[in-house]
Protein backbone atom coordinates (compact mmCIF):
# COMPACT_ATOMS: atom_id res chain seq x y z
CA MET A 1 45.71 96.97 89.21
CA ALA A 2 48.36 99.87 88.32
CA THR A 3 50.85 100.34 91.23
CA LYS A 4 51.03 103.98 92.32
CA GLN A 5 53.90 105.71 91.61
CA PRO A 6 55.42 108.60 94.08
CA PRO A 7 54.73 112.19 91.64
CA SER A 8 57.97 113.18 91.22
CA GLY A 9 60.38 110.60 92.36
CA ARG A 10 62.56 112.80 93.97
CA PRO A 11 62.48 111.59 97.50
CA TRP A 12 63.13 107.85 96.49
CA ARG A 13 66.23 109.17 94.49
CA ARG A 14 67.57 110.83 97.45
CA LEU A 15 67.75 107.51 99.33
CA GLY A 16 70.58 106.83 96.73
CA THR A 17 72.70 109.84 96.99
CA VAL A 18 76.13 109.65 97.97
CA ARG A 19 75.24 111.49 101.07
CA VAL A 20 72.80 108.95 102.17
CA ARG A 21 74.92 105.91 101.22
CA THR A 22 78.03 107.55 103.04
CA THR A 23 75.89 108.23 106.35
CA ALA A 24 74.22 105.12 106.41
CA ALA A 25 77.66 103.27 106.03
CA ALA A 26 79.28 105.57 108.44
CA VAL A 27 76.78 104.57 111.13
CA LEU A 28 76.97 101.14 109.95
CA VAL A 29 80.37 100.42 110.66
CA VAL A 30 80.64 102.50 113.20
CA GLY A 31 77.38 100.89 114.99
CA LEU A 32 79.08 97.60 114.40
CA ALA A 33 82.09 98.67 115.76
CA LEU A 34 80.43 100.18 119.02
CA LEU A 35 78.43 97.17 119.36
CA ILE A 36 81.52 95.12 119.23
CA GLY A 37 83.31 97.29 121.78
CA ALA A 38 80.24 97.38 123.75
CA THR A 39 80.24 93.72 124.40
CA ALA A 40 83.66 92.97 124.87
CA LEU A 41 83.53 95.41 127.31
CA VAL A 42 81.06 94.54 129.28
CA MET A 43 82.20 90.71 129.18
CA THR A 44 85.91 92.30 130.36
CA LEU A 45 84.88 94.05 132.95
CA ARG A 46 82.71 90.70 134.26
CA SER A 47 85.16 88.67 133.86
CA SER A 48 87.63 91.07 135.73
CA LEU A 49 85.56 91.68 138.84
CA GLU A 50 84.46 88.09 139.18
CA ARG A 51 88.63 87.49 139.39
CA ASP A 52 88.33 89.86 142.14
CA VAL A 53 85.74 88.13 144.10
CA GLU A 54 87.26 85.16 143.67
CA LYS A 55 90.69 86.25 145.01
CA ALA A 56 89.26 87.98 147.76
CA ALA A 57 87.85 84.47 148.58
CA ARG A 58 91.16 82.86 148.71
CA LEU A 59 92.53 85.54 150.54
CA ARG A 60 89.85 85.04 153.00
CA ALA A 61 90.03 81.01 153.16
CA GLN A 62 93.71 81.58 153.71
CA ASP A 63 93.07 83.25 156.69
CA VAL A 64 90.96 80.82 158.18
CA ALA A 65 93.26 78.32 157.02
CA THR A 66 96.45 80.33 158.55
CA ALA A 67 93.88 80.50 161.77
CA LEU A 68 93.27 76.76 161.88
CA GLU A 69 96.86 75.65 161.41
CA GLY A 70 98.03 77.76 164.07
CA GLY A 71 95.96 76.01 166.73
CA THR A 72 92.82 77.50 166.37
CA ASP A 73 89.89 75.21 167.44
CA PRO A 74 87.25 75.47 164.67
CA SER A 75 84.64 76.36 167.44
CA GLY A 76 86.56 79.44 168.18
CA LEU A 77 86.70 80.91 164.55
CA ALA A 78 85.38 84.58 164.07
CA LEU A 79 83.15 83.37 161.39
CA ASP A 80 80.60 86.20 160.89
CA ASP A 81 81.34 87.23 157.46
CA GLY A 82 77.94 89.13 156.41
CA ASP A 83 75.34 88.47 154.06
CA GLU A 84 78.08 88.94 150.96
CA SER A 85 80.18 86.02 152.08
CA PHE A 86 80.12 82.70 153.73
CA VAL A 87 82.91 80.32 155.44
CA GLN A 88 81.82 76.36 156.26
CA VAL A 89 85.21 74.62 157.87
CA VAL A 90 85.04 70.54 156.88
CA ASP A 91 86.68 68.27 158.53
CA GLU A 92 87.93 64.51 156.79
CA ARG A 93 84.84 62.90 157.52
CA GLY A 94 83.13 65.60 155.36
CA GLU A 95 81.16 67.04 158.43
CA VAL A 96 81.02 70.87 159.18
CA VAL A 97 82.55 71.44 162.26
CA ALA A 98 82.34 75.67 161.53
CA ALA A 99 80.20 77.78 159.43
CA SER A 100 79.32 81.65 159.52
CA ALA A 101 75.77 82.61 160.03
CA LYS A 102 74.89 82.46 156.66
CA VAL A 103 75.00 78.87 156.15
CA ARG A 104 74.81 77.52 159.57
CA GLY A 105 72.92 74.33 159.66
CA LEU A 106 73.69 73.38 156.02
CA GLY A 107 76.21 70.68 154.85
CA PRO A 108 78.74 71.39 152.87
CA VAL A 109 77.75 73.67 150.12
CA ALA A 110 80.20 72.01 147.62
CA ASP A 111 82.71 69.33 147.18
CA LEU A 112 85.57 70.85 146.17
CA GLN A 113 89.21 69.83 146.36
CA PRO A 114 91.42 72.44 148.09
CA GLY A 115 92.57 75.16 145.61
CA ASP A 116 89.21 74.54 143.05
CA GLY A 117 86.34 76.83 143.02
CA LEU A 118 83.13 76.93 141.36
CA THR A 119 80.38 79.38 140.79
CA LEU A 120 76.76 78.53 142.60
CA PRO A 121 73.86 79.38 140.88
CA GLY A 122 72.59 79.82 144.94
CA LEU A 123 72.52 78.54 147.90
CA PRO A 124 69.47 76.71 149.37
CA GLY A 125 66.37 79.28 149.72
CA GLU A 126 68.33 81.86 147.77
CA GLU A 127 68.59 80.40 143.99
CA GLU A 128 68.93 83.64 142.75
CA ASP A 129 71.94 84.81 144.54
CA PRO A 130 75.28 83.36 142.83
CA PHE A 131 77.92 82.92 144.61
CA ILE A 132 82.13 81.90 143.91
CA VAL A 133 83.03 79.42 146.37
CA VAL A 134 86.65 78.41 146.60
CA ALA A 135 88.22 75.61 148.63
CA THR A 136 91.90 75.62 150.62
CA ARG A 137 93.65 72.77 152.97
CA ALA A 138 94.44 73.38 156.57
CA THR A 139 96.13 70.97 158.77
CA GLY A 140 95.21 71.58 162.54
CA PRO A 141 96.87 69.50 165.62
CA GLY A 142 95.98 65.87 164.71
CA GLU A 143 93.55 66.45 161.99
CA GLY A 144 92.96 68.26 158.46
CA PHE A 145 90.41 70.28 157.27
CA THR A 146 88.95 72.06 154.25
CA VAL A 147 87.93 75.44 154.34
CA LEU A 148 85.12 76.62 151.67
CA VAL A 149 84.97 80.55 151.26
CA GLY A 150 81.75 81.79 149.23
CA ARG A 151 81.38 85.30 147.97
CA SER A 152 78.40 86.76 146.49
CA LEU A 153 78.64 87.92 142.90
CA ASP A 154 75.58 90.19 143.20
CA PRO A 155 77.94 93.37 142.94
CA VAL A 156 79.52 91.92 139.72
CA GLU A 157 76.11 91.50 138.68
CA ASP A 158 75.08 95.08 139.41
CA SER A 159 78.10 96.80 138.25
CA SER A 160 77.68 95.19 134.70
CA ALA A 161 73.88 95.73 134.44
CA ILE A 162 75.03 99.48 134.77
CA VAL A 163 77.91 99.77 133.01
CA ALA A 164 75.34 97.60 130.12
CA LYS A 165 72.69 99.93 130.73
CA ILE A 166 75.22 103.08 130.16
CA LEU A 167 76.27 101.72 126.84
CA LEU A 168 72.67 100.82 125.80
CA PHE A 169 71.79 104.77 126.10
CA GLY A 170 75.24 106.06 124.96
CA VAL A 171 75.99 103.79 121.81
CA PRO A 172 72.58 105.28 120.37
CA LEU A 173 73.57 108.80 121.27
CA LEU A 174 76.81 108.59 119.73
CA LEU A 175 75.67 107.04 116.37
CA LEU A 176 73.24 109.90 116.24
CA VAL A 177 76.46 112.52 116.76
CA VAL A 178 78.21 110.47 113.82
CA ALA A 179 75.12 110.24 111.36
CA LEU A 180 74.86 114.01 112.34
CA THR A 181 78.30 114.62 111.68
CA THR A 182 78.71 112.24 108.41
CA TRP A 183 75.49 113.77 107.02
CA GLY A 184 76.98 117.91 107.31
CA VAL A 185 80.51 116.96 106.29
CA VAL A 186 79.37 115.06 103.18
CA GLY A 187 76.76 117.57 102.43
CA ARG A 188 79.40 120.77 102.63
CA ALA A 189 81.66 119.05 100.40
CA LEU A 190 79.24 117.82 98.20
CA ARG A 191 77.79 121.29 97.74
CA PHE A 192 80.76 122.56 95.84
CA VAL A 193 80.15 119.61 93.36
CA GLU A 194 76.63 120.26 92.89
CA SER A 195 77.67 123.46 91.92
CA ILE A 196 80.34 122.36 89.61
CA ARG A 197 77.96 119.92 88.21
CA THR A 198 75.15 122.74 87.94
CA GLN A 199 77.65 125.27 86.10
CA VAL A 200 78.98 122.54 83.88
CA ALA A 201 75.48 121.56 82.58
CA GLU A 202 74.87 125.27 81.64
CA ILE A 203 78.41 125.41 79.93
CA SER A 204 77.20 124.77 75.84
CA ALA A 205 79.92 125.21 73.24
CA SER A 206 79.36 129.14 72.97
CA GLN A 207 80.24 129.04 76.83
CA LEU A 208 83.50 127.91 77.09
CA HIS A 209 85.22 130.80 78.39
CA ARG A 210 82.64 130.14 81.53
CA ARG A 211 84.73 128.22 84.33
CA VAL A 212 83.02 126.18 87.44
CA PRO A 213 83.62 127.44 91.17
CA PHE A 214 86.46 126.91 93.08
CA PRO A 215 85.91 125.68 96.83
CA PRO A 216 88.40 126.54 99.26
CA GLY A 217 91.09 124.62 100.22
CA ASP A 218 93.56 121.96 98.54
CA ASP A 219 91.35 118.45 99.19
CA GLU A 220 89.77 116.16 96.41
CA ILE A 221 86.89 118.51 95.36
CA ALA A 222 89.46 121.90 95.13
CA ARG A 223 91.28 119.35 92.71
CA LEU A 224 88.26 118.17 90.82
CA ALA A 225 87.31 122.15 90.03
CA SER A 226 90.92 122.95 89.16
CA THR A 227 91.11 120.12 86.58
CA MET A 228 87.30 120.69 85.33
CA ASN A 229 88.78 124.78 84.78
CA ALA A 230 91.60 123.28 82.90
CA MET A 231 89.40 121.04 80.54
CA LEU A 232 87.07 123.56 79.95
CA ALA A 233 90.36 125.68 79.23
CA ARG A 234 91.80 123.56 76.71
CA LEU A 235 88.28 122.90 74.96
CA GLU A 236 87.65 126.54 74.61
CA ASP A 237 91.63 126.88 73.36
CA GLU A 238 90.71 123.68 70.98
CA GLN A 239 87.66 125.73 69.72
CA GLN A 240 89.26 128.78 68.79
CA ARG A 241 91.82 126.95 67.15
CA GLN A 242 89.41 125.22 65.19
CA CYS A 243 87.81 128.21 64.10
CA ARG A 244 91.18 129.87 63.28
CA PHE A 245 91.85 126.72 61.21
CA VAL A 246 88.28 127.01 59.38
CA SER A 247 88.89 130.92 58.98
CA ASP A 248 92.48 130.33 57.74
CA ALA A 249 91.85 127.53 55.34
CA SER A 250 88.60 129.39 53.84
CA HIS A 251 91.44 132.10 53.29
CA GLU A 252 94.12 130.06 51.53
CA LEU A 253 91.30 128.33 49.05
CA ARG A 254 89.85 131.19 48.35
CA SER A 255 92.71 133.00 46.62
CA PRO A 256 93.44 130.27 44.14
CA VAL A 257 90.05 129.88 43.29
CA ALA A 258 89.46 133.62 42.74
CA THR A 259 92.76 133.64 40.59
CA ILE A 260 91.38 130.69 38.27
CA ARG A 261 87.85 132.49 38.26
CA ASN A 262 89.59 135.70 36.91
CA LEU A 263 91.39 133.67 34.40
CA THR A 264 88.42 131.92 33.23
CA GLU A 265 86.37 134.88 32.86
CA VAL A 266 88.96 136.82 30.96
CA ALA A 267 89.27 133.91 28.49
CA ILE A 268 85.70 134.08 27.95
CA ALA A 269 85.37 137.81 27.77
CA HIS A 270 88.30 137.70 25.28
CA PRO A 271 88.54 134.85 23.52
CA GLY A 272 91.11 136.18 20.93
CA ARG A 273 93.40 137.65 23.13
CA THR A 274 94.11 134.22 25.33
CA ASP A 275 96.68 132.50 24.94
CA LEU A 276 95.56 128.85 25.35
CA GLU A 277 99.37 127.37 26.29
CA GLU A 278 99.43 130.48 29.08
CA PHE A 279 96.19 129.95 30.73
CA SER A 280 96.15 126.35 30.81
CA THR A 281 99.16 126.50 32.60
CA ALA A 282 97.94 129.40 35.10
CA VAL A 283 94.96 126.90 35.97
CA LEU A 284 96.56 123.94 36.43
CA ALA A 285 99.56 125.98 38.95
CA GLU A 286 96.78 127.05 40.78
CA ASP A 287 95.03 123.36 40.48
CA ILE A 288 98.22 121.80 42.32
CA ARG A 289 98.11 124.73 44.57
CA ILE A 290 95.07 123.58 45.75
CA GLU A 291 95.39 120.26 45.59
CA LYS A 292 97.84 120.21 47.85
CA LEU A 293 96.30 122.44 50.06
CA VAL A 294 93.67 120.16 50.46
CA ASP A 295 96.15 116.73 51.17
CA ASP A 296 97.78 119.00 53.74
CA LEU A 297 94.33 119.86 55.36
CA LEU A 298 93.36 116.38 55.15
CA ILE A 299 96.40 114.97 56.95
CA LEU A 300 95.72 117.91 60.01
CA ALA A 301 92.20 117.09 59.79
CA ARG A 302 92.89 113.17 60.56
CA SER A 303 95.72 113.59 63.25
CA ASP A 304 93.15 116.12 64.99
CA GLU A 305 90.67 113.08 65.04
CA ASP A 306 93.76 110.84 66.00
CA ARG A 307 92.78 108.79 63.16
CA THR A 308 96.50 109.13 61.81
CA SER A 309 96.97 105.55 59.90
CA LEU A 310 100.92 104.53 60.22
CA THR A 311 102.16 101.35 58.12
CA LEU A 312 104.53 101.05 60.61
CA ARG A 313 108.05 99.02 59.10
CA PRO A 314 112.13 99.73 59.57
CA VAL A 315 112.76 102.14 57.50
CA ASP A 316 116.17 103.50 56.43
CA LEU A 317 116.49 107.11 57.66
CA ASP A 318 119.67 108.03 55.86
CA ASP A 319 118.16 106.54 52.19
CA VAL A 320 115.35 108.81 52.45
CA VAL A 321 117.33 111.81 53.59
CA LEU A 322 119.76 111.24 51.02
CA GLU A 323 117.12 110.91 48.03
CA GLU A 324 115.72 114.34 49.20
CA ALA A 325 119.13 115.97 48.94
CA LYS A 326 119.39 114.64 45.76
CA ARG A 327 116.04 115.93 45.07
CA LEU A 328 117.64 119.78 46.39
CA ARG A 329 120.63 119.45 43.98
CA GLY A 330 118.52 118.87 41.44
CA SER A 331 116.14 121.69 41.88
CA THR A 332 117.94 124.63 43.29
CA ARG A 333 121.34 126.38 43.34
CA LEU A 334 122.66 125.55 46.91
CA ASP A 335 125.12 123.80 48.24
CA ILE A 336 124.01 120.70 49.81
CA GLU A 337 126.16 119.36 52.14
CA THR A 338 125.18 115.15 53.66
CA GLY A 339 129.01 114.15 54.78
CA ALA A 340 127.56 113.92 58.29
CA VAL A 341 124.40 111.48 57.10
CA SER A 342 125.12 108.07 58.48
CA GLY A 343 123.01 104.78 59.25
CA GLY A 344 119.96 105.17 61.16
CA ARG A 345 117.10 102.57 60.93
CA THR A 346 113.41 103.75 62.52
CA MET A 347 110.36 102.00 63.01
CA GLY A 348 107.72 104.35 60.98
CA ASP A 349 105.47 104.91 57.69
CA VAL A 350 107.86 105.36 55.07
CA SER A 351 105.80 108.11 53.50
CA GLN A 352 105.24 110.12 56.60
CA LEU A 353 109.18 110.21 57.18
CA ARG A 354 109.71 111.22 53.37
CA ARG A 355 107.26 114.05 53.69
CA VAL A 356 108.80 114.79 57.01
CA VAL A 357 112.32 115.28 55.50
CA ARG A 358 110.86 116.84 52.16
CA ASN A 359 108.91 119.79 54.48
CA LEU A 360 112.16 120.57 56.29
CA ALA A 361 114.14 120.18 53.38
CA ASP A 362 111.70 122.72 51.07
CA ASN A 363 111.44 125.16 54.33
CA ALA A 364 115.55 124.95 54.67
CA ALA A 365 115.60 125.88 50.82
CA GLN A 366 112.89 128.59 51.06
CA HIS A 367 115.29 130.99 53.70
CA ALA A 368 119.21 129.50 52.97
CA THR A 369 121.26 131.73 51.36
CA SER A 370 124.00 129.56 50.00
CA VAL A 371 124.20 126.02 51.60
CA ILE A 372 121.96 123.58 53.04
CA THR A 373 123.58 120.86 55.75
CA PHE A 374 122.14 117.76 56.40
CA SER A 375 123.50 115.29 59.48
CA LEU A 376 122.03 111.75 60.79
CA SER A 377 123.33 109.95 63.66
CA GLU A 378 122.49 107.66 66.47
CA GLU A 379 122.56 108.40 70.01
CA LYS A 380 121.84 105.86 72.74
CA ASP A 381 117.85 104.68 72.05
CA TRP A 382 117.40 107.72 69.62
CA ILE A 383 118.35 108.71 65.55
CA VAL A 384 118.97 112.30 65.69
CA MET A 385 118.13 113.84 62.25
CA ARG A 386 119.10 117.78 62.00
CA VAL A 387 118.47 120.36 58.96
CA GLU A 388 120.53 123.82 59.08
CA ASP A 389 120.51 126.55 56.47
CA ASP A 390 122.58 129.67 56.59
CA GLY A 391 119.53 131.72 56.31
CA PRO A 392 118.02 134.80 58.75
CA GLY A 393 117.34 132.11 61.69
CA ILE A 394 114.36 131.84 63.91
CA ALA A 395 113.65 134.36 66.79
CA ALA A 396 113.67 132.20 69.94
CA GLU A 397 110.13 133.62 70.65
CA ASN A 398 109.30 132.59 67.46
CA ARG A 399 110.55 128.96 67.48
CA GLU A 400 106.89 126.94 68.80
CA ALA A 401 104.70 129.19 66.65
CA ILE A 402 106.01 128.21 63.89
CA PHE A 403 104.57 124.74 64.09
CA HIS A 404 101.02 126.38 64.57
CA ARG A 405 99.10 126.20 61.17
CA PHE A 406 99.10 128.70 58.75
CA ALA A 407 101.78 130.03 60.92
CA ARG A 408 103.69 133.13 58.91
CA LEU A 409 106.87 134.82 60.45
CA ASP A 410 107.29 138.24 59.61
CA ASN A 411 110.03 137.71 56.97
CA ALA A 412 107.95 134.92 55.02
CA ARG A 413 104.26 136.60 54.90
CA ASP A 414 104.11 136.41 50.93
CA ARG A 415 102.70 133.47 49.45
CA ASP A 416 105.49 132.69 47.47
CA HIS A 417 108.00 132.67 50.05
CA GLY A 418 106.23 131.30 53.03
CA GLY A 419 103.95 128.77 51.40
CA ALA A 420 100.55 128.14 53.20
CA GLY A 421 101.49 127.73 56.55
CA LEU A 422 101.38 123.90 57.08
CA GLY A 423 104.34 122.18 56.17
CA LEU A 424 105.88 122.49 59.85
CA ALA A 425 102.38 121.77 61.22
CA ILE A 426 102.29 118.22 59.50
CA VAL A 427 106.28 117.85 60.22
CA TYR A 428 105.04 118.23 64.08
CA GLU A 429 102.35 115.75 64.04
CA SER A 430 104.01 113.68 62.11
CA ILE A 431 107.38 112.94 64.65
CA LYS A 432 104.36 112.84 67.71
CA ALA A 433 103.01 110.14 65.93
CA HIS A 434 105.66 108.43 65.12
CA GLY A 435 106.83 108.78 68.87
CA GLY A 436 109.58 111.49 68.43
CA THR A 437 110.51 115.23 69.78
CA ILE A 438 111.57 118.09 67.30
CA GLU A 439 113.25 121.31 68.67
CA VAL A 440 114.43 124.68 66.59
CA GLY A 441 117.66 126.06 67.79
CA ASP A 442 120.75 128.04 65.88
CA SER A 443 122.79 126.93 63.31
CA PRO A 444 126.44 126.95 63.27
CA SER A 445 126.09 129.24 59.20
CA GLY A 446 123.91 131.25 61.41
CA GLY A 447 120.53 130.07 60.02
CA ALA A 448 118.13 127.54 61.82
CA ARG A 449 118.61 123.94 62.88
CA PHE A 450 115.76 121.68 63.10
CA GLU A 451 116.66 118.64 65.55
CA ILE A 452 114.67 115.82 65.19
CA ARG A 453 114.73 112.45 67.69
CA LEU A 454 112.76 109.45 66.31
CA PRO A 455 113.43 105.89 68.44
CA ARG A 456 116.14 103.77 66.88
CA GLN A 457 115.60 100.45 65.59
CA GLU A 458 117.91 97.17 66.00
């Protein structure tokens, strides 16, 4: 026979909520603490009251002993102590020579040495009435006595019982207050958590502009909401960045594709007037442009997916810089200065670092008027490489934007001068993957200065 399950399961799931678990834990911990505290309180109170009763009994015994030592005959002692206490005077032969009314006619109620004490469960005929009995030595004229004084523990029992009853009713009431308070406080805090969860559950990829509600205060829930909103802002920014990336990539690829198509259509339409060498050169140039753009896009896509594979090994960065400087000397009429290039070794991927230096060199060559300066030095734990030109420079407000993908400044928007706008973006991603930094500043010659710092390898 199958076990019948609850229709929806929701009441059962609520038993496992944070609110229920927190309330149960608070009640359990406070209840255990109160139980231990109440037990200790009752035991401490009882012990204190018993000590008071014993102290009173010893004071009474000392009073009787003082009277006997002062010469008072035992038969002349005032021993009417009532029902709450009794006195017995026992001589050296063990016989009771004087007693209060409560124990008159009885033998010694206890065999005690002077200074000792004990608890009697009760006197003959009063077994349920416990007493504390103490003994004191008294030396009368010619004879010694032992004074036994007993005091009832009924007041101790009554006081302990009253306190226990108060705690018996008070502790559950206090636990109820703890449960209600915890339930309310946790529920109030989790109300915002549930609101945040509901809002996040409704946010789709097309609704990243939405934000979760922000509760008042500066507690953990408020910080959670702030973190969630910051995350949504980052996701929205990344989505917009990806959309711009796809749009810009499509635009960049469309131009060479269209150029190749136009050249091909003209060649097909007018085969007799088409110069094969000129046609092949133009198509090859556009194809190389497409290949370079696709390679750059692949590098950036891998960096976005955090799949950049670095083959790390010691790299002499000065060799890479000097190779690129030699290449520029052979391909441009610019003055290339490398006098400030000294030795510098880092752990890195030589192919990526070579691409970094080449992209910076090509960028400088595109903007320089007459001179490009390379420098390389070591500063503490860093290798510092600088590439400077004497071109128009980069305005301060654009020094962050130039590392964005497909970025072109106002003076470099044409494709022949500014390229596709991916070179500096690749430089930024590669330097970041190597644990380095890159900054843009002003060159002493008036142009731009790119400063890269990479960890130094001993």
